[in-house]
Amino acid sequence: MSPAAPALPAAIAWMTGALVLFTGMAVAARELSADLGTFQLLALRSLIGLAIVSALLQKSGWSQLGTAHLKLHALRNLAHYGGQFGWFHAIAAIPLATVFAIEFTVPVWTAVFAALLLGERITAPRVIAIACGLAGVLVILRPGAAIVHPAALVMLAGAISFGLAHTMTKKLTAHEPMLAILFWMSALQLPLGLVPALFQWAPLEARHAPWLLLVGCAGLAAHWCMVRALALADATVVVTLDFLRLPLITLIGFWVYHEPADWYLAIGAALILAANLVNVFARQPAPGNAQSAGTTTAG
């Protein structure tokens, strides 16, 4: 179902907010990585997220935290933590555009895990999407043509972890309210980052505060913007707009951090975009049942 004409500008506005927030989170992570280690960043992000979600639960009721799926929450958050570690580690070490390009393979891995764990069919369009996504990664990393940066491989492992986490999130959403999922995400991931961070804890300064608030709040706010956009426009529109994060972060990386961009990145990113679009078109929701079609996020 095509979005109604009046709804499309509103969807674009919400997605613009998501683009700005996701990009801001990446810049904040890069700025903080000069002083703080990856584990410390992850611990602080979980702490801020826990405070925000707790404030929301205080208004809406703590009773929704009751769960019979704590094991699934734990497995989901181990995978999600691995994805976040890969993202934050890569942000500090390789060009921002490369991080975002590899991140956009998450829907490909989600499709693979959905077939393995949820019994979803691997259709011809999904095979094409997986092939395009993998080809895009190979073009960007160019194994054999040059030494692949270890952080790029860590980011690829992180994208695979995000795909596994998204698949388990899909199982959880059938039983659990979103606030409960977000609460257990922050509560379970906080010790995973805090314990190793204590061995290399760097002192926090006032100049870190704005960047930390951006890292802690931007992911949740960006998710909210994306959900609002999906409620107003088809997933094909939203996922295409979401991909604008890549040229935006490429420009920021070039202007602010003097990071190079080449044709291999552009070709690889185009293949990954094609994979995303094939994946979205292959699983368009029925009219009146708009839903996410595997859009990616580091949140």
C-alpha atoms as a PDB file:
ATOM      1  CA  MET A   1       0.000   0.000   0.000  1.00  0.00           C
ATOM      2  CA  SER A   2       1.468   3.324  -1.004  1.00  0.00           C
ATOM      3  CA  PRO A   3       1.617   5.974   1.705  1.00  0.00           C
ATOM      4  CA  ALA A   4      -1.028   8.667   1.480  1.00  0.00           C
ATOM      5  CA  ALA A   5       0.329  11.912   0.085  1.00  0.00           C
ATOM      6  CA  PRO A   6      -0.123  13.911   3.328  1.00  0.00           C
ATOM      7  CA  ALA A   7       1.631  11.173   5.352  1.00  0.00           C
ATOM      8  CA  LEU A   8       4.781  11.010   3.233  1.00  0.00           C
ATOM      9  CA  PRO A   9       6.231  14.418   4.272  1.00  0.00           C
ATOM     10  CA  ALA A  10       5.664  13.509   7.918  1.00  0.00           C
ATOM     11  CA  ALA A  11       7.401  10.148   7.413  1.00  0.00           C
ATOM     12  CA  ILE A  12      10.335  11.898   5.756  1.00  0.00           C
ATOM     13  CA  ALA A  13      10.498  14.327   8.689  1.00  0.00           C
ATOM     14  CA  TRP A  14      10.580  11.475  11.231  1.00  0.00           C
ATOM     15  CA  MET A  15      13.251   9.640   9.230  1.00  0.00           C
ATOM     16  CA  THR A  16      15.301  12.829   8.990  1.00  0.00           C
ATOM     17  CA  GLY A  17      15.256  12.898  12.782  1.00  0.00           C
ATOM     18  CA  ALA A  18      16.397   9.275  12.890  1.00  0.00           C
ATOM     19  CA  LEU A  19      19.212   9.979  10.409  1.00  0.00           C
ATOM     20  CA  VAL A  20      20.468  12.928  12.451  1.00  0.00           C
ATOM     21  CA  LEU A  21      20.308  10.953  15.706  1.00  0.00           C
ATOM     22  CA  PHE A  22      22.073   7.862  14.358  1.00  0.00           C
ATOM     23  CA  THR A  23      24.772  10.030  12.794  1.00  0.00           C
ATOM     24  CA  GLY A  24      25.127  12.067  15.978  1.00  0.00           C
ATOM     25  CA  MET A  25      25.554   8.881  17.995  1.00  0.00           C
ATOM     26  CA  ALA A  26      28.375   7.763  15.698  1.00  0.00           C
ATOM     27  CA  VAL A  27      30.167  11.111  15.996  1.00  0.00           C
ATOM     28  CA  ALA A  28      29.712  11.082  19.789  1.00  0.00           C
ATOM     29  CA  ALA A  29      31.137   7.555  19.985  1.00  0.00           C
ATOM     30  CA  ARG A  30      34.142   8.607  17.883  1.00  0.00           C
ATOM     31  CA  GLU A  31      34.770  11.657  20.091  1.00  0.00           C
ATOM     32  CA  LEU A  32      34.510   9.652  23.310  1.00  0.00           C
ATOM     33  CA  SER A  33      36.683   6.826  22.016  1.00  0.00           C
ATOM     34  CA  ALA A  34      39.712   9.123  22.206  1.00  0.00           C
ATOM     35  CA  ASP A  35      39.494   8.982  26.024  1.00  0.00           C
ATOM     36  CA  LEU A  36      37.249   6.053  26.950  1.00  0.00           C
ATOM     37  CA  GLY A  37      37.535   2.369  26.136  1.00  0.00           C
ATOM     38  CA  THR A  38      34.839   0.363  24.376  1.00  0.00           C
ATOM     39  CA  PHE A  39      33.756  -1.494  27.540  1.00  0.00           C
ATOM     40  CA  GLN A  40      33.411   1.760  29.464  1.00  0.00           C
ATOM     41  CA  LEU A  41      31.346   3.305  26.670  1.00  0.00           C
ATOM     42  CA  LEU A  42      29.033   0.304  26.591  1.00  0.00           C
ATOM     43  CA  ALA A  43      28.629   0.347  30.378  1.00  0.00           C
ATOM     44  CA  LEU A  44      27.826   4.067  30.451  1.00  0.00           C
ATOM     45  CA  ARG A  45      25.388   3.730  27.558  1.00  0.00           C
ATOM     46  CA  SER A  46      23.562   0.912  29.356  1.00  0.00           C
ATOM     47  CA  LEU A  47      23.463   2.955  32.567  1.00  0.00           C
ATOM     48  CA  ILE A  48      21.916   5.961  30.813  1.00  0.00           C
ATOM     49  CA  GLY A  49      19.473   3.738  28.932  1.00  0.00           C
ATOM     50  CA  LEU A  50      18.478   2.008  32.171  1.00  0.00           C
ATOM     51  CA  ALA A  51      17.758   5.372  33.806  1.00  0.00           C
ATOM     52  CA  ILE A  52      15.573   6.483  30.871  1.00  0.00           C
ATOM     53  CA  VAL A  53      13.609   3.239  30.654  1.00  0.00           C
ATOM     54  CA  SER A  54      13.160   3.142  34.445  1.00  0.00           C
ATOM     55  CA  ALA A  55      11.682   6.648  34.340  1.00  0.00           C
ATOM     56  CA  LEU A  56       9.218   5.496  31.659  1.00  0.00           C
ATOM     57  CA  LEU A  57       8.323   2.398  33.676  1.00  0.00           C
ATOM     58  CA  GLN A  58       7.708   4.551  36.722  1.00  0.00           C
ATOM     59  CA  LYS A  59       4.879   6.185  34.766  1.00  0.00           C
ATOM     60  CA  SER A  60       3.532   3.169  32.894  1.00  0.00           C
ATOM     61  CA  GLY A  61       3.959   0.511  35.587  1.00  0.00           C
ATOM     62  CA  TRP A  62       6.693  -1.896  36.659  1.00  0.00           C
ATOM     63  CA  SER A  63       4.375  -4.896  36.473  1.00  0.00           C
ATOM     64  CA  GLN A  64       5.131  -5.323  32.772  1.00  0.00           C
ATOM     65  CA  LEU A  65       8.634  -6.558  33.678  1.00  0.00           C
ATOM     66  CA  GLY A  66       7.248  -9.921  34.792  1.00  0.00           C
ATOM     67  CA  THR A  67       8.562 -12.468  32.295  1.00  0.00           C
ATOM     68  CA  ALA A  68       8.679 -16.192  31.659  1.00  0.00           C
ATOM     69  CA  HIS A  69      11.354 -15.683  29.008  1.00  0.00           C
ATOM     70  CA  LEU A  70      14.379 -14.534  31.003  1.00  0.00           C
ATOM     71  CA  LYS A  71      16.615 -17.104  29.281  1.00  0.00           C
ATOM     72  CA  LEU A  72      15.621 -15.732  25.870  1.00  0.00           C
ATOM     73  CA  HIS A  73      16.258 -12.195  27.141  1.00  0.00           C
ATOM     74  CA  ALA A  74      19.726 -13.290  28.280  1.00  0.00           C
ATOM     75  CA  LEU A  75      20.605 -14.967  24.967  1.00  0.00           C
ATOM     76  CA  ARG A  76      19.225 -12.025  22.984  1.00  0.00           C
ATOM     77  CA  ASN A  77      21.289  -9.555  24.990  1.00  0.00           C
ATOM     78  CA  LEU A  78      24.502 -11.557  24.723  1.00  0.00           C
ATOM     79  CA  ALA A  79      24.097 -11.361  20.947  1.00  0.00           C
ATOM     80  CA  HIS A  80      23.076  -7.695  21.039  1.00  0.00           C
ATOM     81  CA  TYR A  81      26.035  -6.862  23.279  1.00  0.00           C
ATOM     82  CA  GLY A  82      28.335  -8.507  20.754  1.00  0.00           C
ATOM     83  CA  GLY A  83      26.823  -6.336  18.030  1.00  0.00           C
ATOM     84  CA  GLN A  84      27.216  -3.168  20.085  1.00  0.00           C
ATOM     85  CA  PHE A  85      30.809  -4.057  20.975  1.00  0.00           C
ATOM     86  CA  GLY A  86      31.641  -4.533  17.300  1.00  0.00           C
ATOM     87  CA  TRP A  87      30.013  -1.207  16.382  1.00  0.00           C
ATOM     88  CA  PHE A  88      31.666   0.891  19.107  1.00  0.00           C
ATOM     89  CA  HIS A  89      35.040  -0.793  18.604  1.00  0.00           C
ATOM     90  CA  ALA A  90      34.947  -0.214  14.839  1.00  0.00           C
ATOM     91  CA  ILE A  91      33.785   3.417  15.187  1.00  0.00           C
ATOM     92  CA  ALA A  92      37.058   4.184  16.985  1.00  0.00           C
ATOM     93  CA  ALA A  93      39.311   2.438  14.485  1.00  0.00           C
ATOM     94  CA  ILE A  94      38.062   2.565  10.868  1.00  0.00           C
ATOM     95  CA  PRO A  95      36.279   5.135   8.661  1.00  0.00           C
ATOM     96  CA  LEU A  96      32.724   5.865   9.759  1.00  0.00           C
ATOM     97  CA  ALA A  97      31.367   5.129   6.276  1.00  0.00           C
ATOM     98  CA  THR A  98      32.879   1.632   6.359  1.00  0.00           C
ATOM     99  CA  VAL A  99      31.235   0.961   9.718  1.00  0.00           C
ATOM    100  CA  PHE A 100      27.829   2.050   8.442  1.00  0.00           C
ATOM    101  CA  ALA A 101      28.171   0.103   5.191  1.00  0.00           C
ATOM    102  CA  ILE A 102      28.959  -3.138   7.022  1.00  0.00           C
ATOM    103  CA  GLU A 103      26.172  -2.402   9.512  1.00  0.00           C
ATOM    104  CA  PHE A 104      23.676  -2.349   6.656  1.00  0.00           C
ATOM    105  CA  THR A 105      24.222  -6.090   6.163  1.00  0.00           C
ATOM    106  CA  VAL A 106      22.253  -6.731   9.372  1.00  0.00           C
ATOM    107  CA  PRO A 107      18.983  -7.506   7.476  1.00  0.00           C
ATOM    108  CA  VAL A 108      20.879 -10.118   5.453  1.00  0.00           C
ATOM    109  CA  TRP A 109      22.060 -11.930   8.583  1.00  0.00           C
ATOM    110  CA  THR A 110      18.612 -11.508  10.148  1.00  0.00           C
ATOM    111  CA  ALA A 111      17.082 -13.311   7.150  1.00  0.00           C
ATOM    112  CA  VAL A 112      19.583 -16.157   7.567  1.00  0.00           C
ATOM    113  CA  PHE A 113      18.919 -16.554  11.292  1.00  0.00           C
ATOM    114  CA  ALA A 114      15.144 -16.230  10.796  1.00  0.00           C
ATOM    115  CA  ALA A 115      15.330 -19.212   8.444  1.00  0.00           C
ATOM    116  CA  LEU A 116      17.500 -21.223  10.839  1.00  0.00           C
ATOM    117  CA  LEU A 117      15.749 -20.379  14.119  1.00  0.00           C
ATOM    118  CA  LEU A 118      12.213 -19.314  13.227  1.00  0.00           C
ATOM    119  CA  GLY A 119      11.583 -21.625  10.298  1.00  0.00           C
ATOM    120  CA  GLU A 120      11.048 -18.769   7.826  1.00  0.00           C
ATOM    121  CA  ARG A 121      11.413 -19.870   4.209  1.00  0.00           C
ATOM    122  CA  ILE A 122      14.521 -18.987   2.231  1.00  0.00           C
ATOM    123  CA  THR A 123      12.856 -17.733  -0.941  1.00  0.00           C
ATOM    124  CA  ALA A 124      14.539 -16.809  -4.218  1.00  0.00           C
ATOM    125  CA  PRO A 125      14.437 -13.049  -3.409  1.00  0.00           C
ATOM    126  CA  ARG A 126      16.091 -13.727  -0.065  1.00  0.00           C
ATOM    127  CA  VAL A 127      18.833 -15.766  -1.725  1.00  0.00           C
ATOM    128  CA  ILE A 128      19.433 -12.818  -4.058  1.00  0.00           C
ATOM    129  CA  ALA A 129      19.448 -10.415  -1.093  1.00  0.00           C
ATOM    130  CA  ILE A 130      21.950 -12.563   0.824  1.00  0.00           C
ATOM    131  CA  ALA A 131      24.180 -12.888  -2.249  1.00  0.00           C
ATOM    132  CA  CYS A 132      24.125  -9.121  -2.913  1.00  0.00           C
ATOM    133  CA  GLY A 133      24.860  -8.343   0.731  1.00  0.00           C
ATOM    134  CA  LEU A 134      27.804 -10.732   0.907  1.00  0.00           C
ATOM    135  CA  ALA A 135      29.140  -9.439  -2.418  1.00  0.00           C
ATOM    136  CA  GLY A 136      28.943  -5.883  -1.067  1.00  0.00           C
ATOM    137  CA  VAL A 137      30.962  -6.835   2.016  1.00  0.00           C
ATOM    138  CA  LEU A 138      33.603  -8.560  -0.115  1.00  0.00           C
ATOM    139  CA  VAL A 139      33.912  -5.494  -2.367  1.00  0.00           C
ATOM    140  CA  ILE A 140      34.328  -3.182   0.649  1.00  0.00           C
ATOM    141  CA  LEU A 141      36.804  -5.397   2.528  1.00  0.00           C
ATOM    142  CA  ARG A 142      38.613  -6.705  -0.590  1.00  0.00           C
ATOM    143  CA  PRO A 143      40.256  -9.695   1.124  1.00  0.00           C
ATOM    144  CA  GLY A 144      43.457 -10.629  -0.637  1.00  0.00           C
ATOM    145  CA  ALA A 145      43.840  -7.254  -2.365  1.00  0.00           C
ATOM    146  CA  ALA A 146      44.962  -5.594   0.862  1.00  0.00           C
ATOM    147  CA  ILE A 147      45.334  -6.356   4.536  1.00  0.00           C
ATOM    148  CA  VAL A 148      41.845  -6.262   6.017  1.00  0.00           C
ATOM    149  CA  HIS A 149      41.714  -4.055   9.103  1.00  0.00           C
ATOM    150  CA  PRO A 150      40.902  -6.229  12.159  1.00  0.00           C
ATOM    151  CA  ALA A 151      38.276  -3.692  13.278  1.00  0.00           C
ATOM    152  CA  ALA A 152      36.395  -4.232  10.000  1.00  0.00           C
ATOM    153  CA  LEU A 153      36.205  -7.955  10.784  1.00  0.00           C
ATOM    154  CA  VAL A 154      35.058  -7.134  14.327  1.00  0.00           C
ATOM    155  CA  MET A 155      32.320  -4.938  12.818  1.00  0.00           C
ATOM    156  CA  LEU A 156      31.295  -7.753  10.473  1.00  0.00           C
ATOM    157  CA  ALA A 157      31.041 -10.092  13.470  1.00  0.00           C
ATOM    158  CA  GLY A 158      29.019  -7.361  15.190  1.00  0.00           C
ATOM    159  CA  ALA A 159      26.620  -7.150  12.236  1.00  0.00           C
ATOM    160  CA  ILE A 160      26.116 -10.919  12.374  1.00  0.00           C
ATOM    161  CA  SER A 161      25.480 -10.627  16.123  1.00  0.00           C
ATOM    162  CA  PHE A 162      22.916  -7.877  15.504  1.00  0.00           C
ATOM    163  CA  GLY A 163      21.188 -10.175  13.002  1.00  0.00           C
ATOM    164  CA  LEU A 164      20.943 -12.928  15.634  1.00  0.00           C
ATOM    165  CA  ALA A 165      19.720 -10.414  18.240  1.00  0.00           C
ATOM    166  CA  HIS A 166      17.042  -9.056  15.869  1.00  0.00           C
ATOM    167  CA  THR A 167      15.789 -12.585  15.229  1.00  0.00           C
ATOM    168  CA  MET A 168      15.439 -13.286  18.955  1.00  0.00           C
ATOM    169  CA  THR A 169      13.829  -9.860  19.422  1.00  0.00           C
ATOM    170  CA  LYS A 170      11.178 -10.939  16.932  1.00  0.00           C
ATOM    171  CA  LYS A 171      10.429 -13.952  19.132  1.00  0.00           C
ATOM    172  CA  LEU A 172      10.297 -11.777  22.259  1.00  0.00           C
ATOM    173  CA  THR A 173       7.926  -9.192  20.798  1.00  0.00           C
ATOM    174  CA  ALA A 174       5.255 -11.889  20.527  1.00  0.00           C
ATOM    175  CA  HIS A 175       5.231 -12.182  24.334  1.00  0.00           C
ATOM    176  CA  GLU A 176       6.847  -9.100  25.873  1.00  0.00           C
ATOM    177  CA  PRO A 177       6.068  -5.344  25.805  1.00  0.00           C
ATOM    178  CA  MET A 178       8.720  -3.132  24.233  1.00  0.00           C
ATOM    179  CA  LEU A 179       9.591  -1.367  27.500  1.00  0.00           C
ATOM    180  CA  ALA A 180      10.326  -4.726  29.118  1.00  0.00           C
ATOM    181  CA  ILE A 181      12.652  -5.663  26.244  1.00  0.00           C
ATOM    182  CA  LEU A 182      14.461  -2.328  26.561  1.00  0.00           C
ATOM    183  CA  PHE A 183      14.705  -2.617  30.361  1.00  0.00           C
ATOM    184  CA  TRP A 184      16.194  -6.106  30.292  1.00  0.00           C
ATOM    185  CA  MET A 185      18.528  -5.010  27.495  1.00  0.00           C
ATOM    186  CA  SER A 186      20.042  -2.261  29.641  1.00  0.00           C
ATOM    187  CA  ALA A 187      19.923  -4.212  32.914  1.00  0.00           C
ATOM    188  CA  LEU A 188      21.596  -7.343  31.527  1.00  0.00           C
ATOM    189  CA  GLN A 189      24.159  -5.550  29.386  1.00  0.00           C
ATOM    190  CA  LEU A 190      25.256  -3.135  32.130  1.00  0.00           C
ATOM    191  CA  PRO A 191      27.359  -5.709  34.052  1.00  0.00           C
ATOM    192  CA  LEU A 192      28.719  -7.127  30.785  1.00  0.00           C
ATOM    193  CA  GLY A 193      30.347  -3.763  30.109  1.00  0.00           C
ATOM    194  CA  LEU A 194      30.952  -2.610  33.656  1.00  0.00           C
ATOM    195  CA  VAL A 195      32.990  -5.551  34.949  1.00  0.00           C
ATOM    196  CA  PRO A 196      35.722  -5.420  32.265  1.00  0.00           C
ATOM    197  CA  ALA A 197      35.539  -1.610  32.190  1.00  0.00           C
ATOM    198  CA  LEU A 198      36.541  -1.404  35.864  1.00  0.00           C
ATOM    199  CA  PHE A 199      39.988  -2.751  34.966  1.00  0.00           C
ATOM    200  CA  GLN A 200      40.623   0.124  32.518  1.00  0.00           C
ATOM    201  CA  TRP A 201      38.306   2.851  33.814  1.00  0.00           C
ATOM    202  CA  ALA A 202      39.218   6.328  32.594  1.00  0.00           C
ATOM    203  CA  PRO A 203      38.186   9.381  34.652  1.00  0.00           C
ATOM    204  CA  LEU A 204      35.136  11.222  33.322  1.00  0.00           C
ATOM    205  CA  GLU A 205      35.300  14.956  32.727  1.00  0.00           C
ATOM    206  CA  ALA A 206      32.648  17.625  32.179  1.00  0.00           C
ATOM    207  CA  ARG A 207      33.454  17.759  28.450  1.00  0.00           C
ATOM    208  CA  HIS A 208      32.390  14.118  28.132  1.00  0.00           C
ATOM    209  CA  ALA A 209      28.859  14.774  29.425  1.00  0.00           C
ATOM    210  CA  PRO A 210      27.204  16.060  26.209  1.00  0.00           C
ATOM    211  CA  TRP A 211      28.686  13.230  24.146  1.00  0.00           C
ATOM    212  CA  LEU A 212      27.649  10.624  26.728  1.00  0.00           C
ATOM    213  CA  LEU A 213      24.084  11.954  26.798  1.00  0.00           C
ATOM    214  CA  LEU A 214      23.993  11.797  23.004  1.00  0.00           C
ATOM    215  CA  VAL A 215      25.265   8.213  22.965  1.00  0.00           C
ATOM    216  CA  GLY A 216      22.827   7.200  25.695  1.00  0.00           C
ATOM    217  CA  CYS A 217      19.728   8.923  24.328  1.00  0.00           C
ATOM    218  CA  ALA A 218      20.191   8.985  20.552  1.00  0.00           C
ATOM    219  CA  GLY A 219      19.618   5.270  19.990  1.00  0.00           C
ATOM    220  CA  LEU A 220      16.283   5.208  21.829  1.00  0.00           C
ATOM    221  CA  ALA A 221      15.131   8.450  20.205  1.00  0.00           C
ATOM    222  CA  ALA A 222      16.178   7.252  16.743  1.00  0.00           C
ATOM    223  CA  HIS A 223      14.193   4.027  17.210  1.00  0.00           C
ATOM    224  CA  TRP A 224      11.152   6.086  18.141  1.00  0.00           C
ATOM    225  CA  CYS A 225      11.517   8.258  15.032  1.00  0.00           C
ATOM    226  CA  MET A 226      11.870   5.197  12.810  1.00  0.00           C
ATOM    227  CA  VAL A 227       8.794   3.517  14.291  1.00  0.00           C
ATOM    228  CA  ARG A 228       6.771   6.691  13.674  1.00  0.00           C
ATOM    229  CA  ALA A 229       8.032   6.804  10.078  1.00  0.00           C
ATOM    230  CA  LEU A 230       7.069   3.142   9.540  1.00  0.00           C
ATOM    231  CA  ALA A 231       3.574   3.923  10.797  1.00  0.00           C
ATOM    232  CA  LEU A 232       3.209   6.583   8.108  1.00  0.00           C
ATOM    233  CA  ALA A 233       4.990   5.124   5.075  1.00  0.00           C
ATOM    234  CA  ASP A 234       5.781   1.799   3.437  1.00  0.00           C
ATOM    235  CA  ALA A 235       8.875  -0.040   4.627  1.00  0.00           C
ATOM    236  CA  THR A 236      10.375   0.375   1.139  1.00  0.00           C
ATOM    237  CA  VAL A 237      10.296   4.148   1.597  1.00  0.00           C
ATOM    238  CA  VAL A 238      11.721   4.044   5.112  1.00  0.00           C
ATOM    239  CA  VAL A 239      14.572   1.635   4.377  1.00  0.00           C
ATOM    240  CA  THR A 240      15.620   3.711   1.361  1.00  0.00           C
ATOM    241  CA  LEU A 241      15.649   6.876   3.457  1.00  0.00           C
ATOM    242  CA  ASP A 242      17.542   5.049   6.208  1.00  0.00           C
ATOM    243  CA  PHE A 243      20.292   4.235   3.728  1.00  0.00           C
ATOM    244  CA  LEU A 244      20.941   7.976   3.373  1.00  0.00           C
ATOM    245  CA  ARG A 245      22.862   7.585   6.620  1.00  0.00           C
ATOM    246  CA  LEU A 246      25.754   6.227   4.562  1.00  0.00           C
ATOM    247  CA  PRO A 247      26.397   9.240   2.282  1.00  0.00           C
ATOM    248  CA  LEU A 248      25.719  11.540   5.246  1.00  0.00           C
ATOM    249  CA  ILE A 249      28.304   9.850   7.464  1.00  0.00           C
ATOM    250  CA  THR A 250      30.707   9.673   4.502  1.00  0.00           C
ATOM    251  CA  LEU A 251      30.560  13.462   4.156  1.00  0.00           C
ATOM    252  CA  ILE A 252      31.035  13.953   7.891  1.00  0.00           C
ATOM    253  CA  GLY A 253      33.946  11.525   7.945  1.00  0.00           C
ATOM    254  CA  PHE A 254      35.551  13.366   5.022  1.00  0.00           C
ATOM    255  CA  TRP A 255      35.008  16.914   6.333  1.00  0.00           C
ATOM    256  CA  VAL A 256      35.556  16.380  10.059  1.00  0.00           C
ATOM    257  CA  TYR A 257      37.982  13.458  10.255  1.00  0.00           C
ATOM    258  CA  HIS A 258      39.574  13.626   6.765  1.00  0.00           C
ATOM    259  CA  GLU A 259      38.609  10.021   6.060  1.00  0.00           C
ATOM    260  CA  PRO A 260      38.987   8.856   2.450  1.00  0.00           C
ATOM    261  CA  ALA A 261      36.120   7.388   0.410  1.00  0.00           C
ATOM    262  CA  ASP A 262      36.704   5.307  -2.712  1.00  0.00           C
ATOM    263  CA  TRP A 263      34.786   3.570  -5.475  1.00  0.00           C
ATOM    264  CA  TYR A 264      35.044   0.198  -3.742  1.00  0.00           C
ATOM    265  CA  LEU A 265      33.048   1.582  -0.811  1.00  0.00           C
ATOM    266  CA  ALA A 266      30.474   3.098  -3.193  1.00  0.00           C
ATOM    267  CA  ILE A 267      30.057  -0.125  -5.213  1.00  0.00           C
ATOM    268  CA  GLY A 268      29.916  -2.290  -2.088  1.00  0.00           C
ATOM    269  CA  ALA A 269      27.384   0.037  -0.474  1.00  0.00           C
ATOM    270  CA  ALA A 270      25.242  -0.040  -3.632  1.00  0.00           C
ATOM    271  CA  LEU A 271      25.202  -3.853  -3.545  1.00  0.00           C
ATOM    272  CA  ILE A 272      24.203  -3.805   0.125  1.00  0.00           C
ATOM    273  CA  LEU A 273      21.457  -1.266  -0.638  1.00  0.00           C
ATOM    274  CA  ALA A 274      20.194  -3.577  -3.390  1.00  0.00           C
ATOM    275  CA  ALA A 275      20.157  -6.449  -0.880  1.00  0.00           C
ATOM    276  CA  ASN A 276      18.115  -4.355   1.551  1.00  0.00           C
ATOM    277  CA  LEU A 277      15.592  -3.343  -1.112  1.00  0.00           C
ATOM    278  CA  VAL A 278      15.165  -6.908  -2.394  1.00  0.00           C
ATOM    279  CA  ASN A 279      14.692  -8.063   1.201  1.00  0.00           C
ATOM    280  CA  VAL A 280      12.074  -5.376   1.884  1.00  0.00           C
ATOM    281  CA  PHE A 281      10.101  -5.890  -1.356  1.00  0.00           C
ATOM    282  CA  ALA A 282      10.061  -9.648  -0.704  1.00  0.00           C
ATOM    283  CA  ARG A 283       8.394  -9.222   2.692  1.00  0.00           C
ATOM    284  CA  GLN A 284       6.074  -6.253   2.222  1.00  0.00           C
ATOM    285  CA  PRO A 285       3.394  -6.278   4.954  1.00  0.00           C
ATOM    286  CA  ALA A 286      -0.243  -6.526   4.096  1.00  0.00           C
ATOM    287  CA  PRO A 287      -2.169  -3.236   3.840  1.00  0.00           C
ATOM    288  CA  GLY A 288      -2.915  -1.814   7.274  1.00  0.00           C
ATOM    289  CA  ASN A 289      -0.185  -3.924   8.891  1.00  0.00           C
ATOM    290  CA  ALA A 290       2.933  -1.814   8.442  1.00  0.00           C
ATOM    291  CA  GLN A 291       5.978  -3.182  10.200  1.00  0.00           C
ATOM    292  CA  SER A 292       9.710  -2.971  10.190  1.00  0.00           C
ATOM    293  CA  ALA A 293      11.309  -4.870   7.375  1.00  0.00           C
ATOM    294  CA  GLY A 294      14.682  -5.385   8.939  1.00  0.00           C
ATOM    295  CA  THR A 295      15.940  -1.840   8.980  1.00  0.00           C
ATOM    296  CA  THR A 296      19.259  -1.646  10.679  1.00  0.00           C
ATOM    297  CA  THR A 297      20.284   0.015  13.860  1.00  0.00           C
ATOM    298  CA  ALA A 298      23.146   0.108  16.267  1.00  0.00           C
ATOM    299  CA  GLY A 299      20.783   0.726  19.117  1.00  0.00           C
END
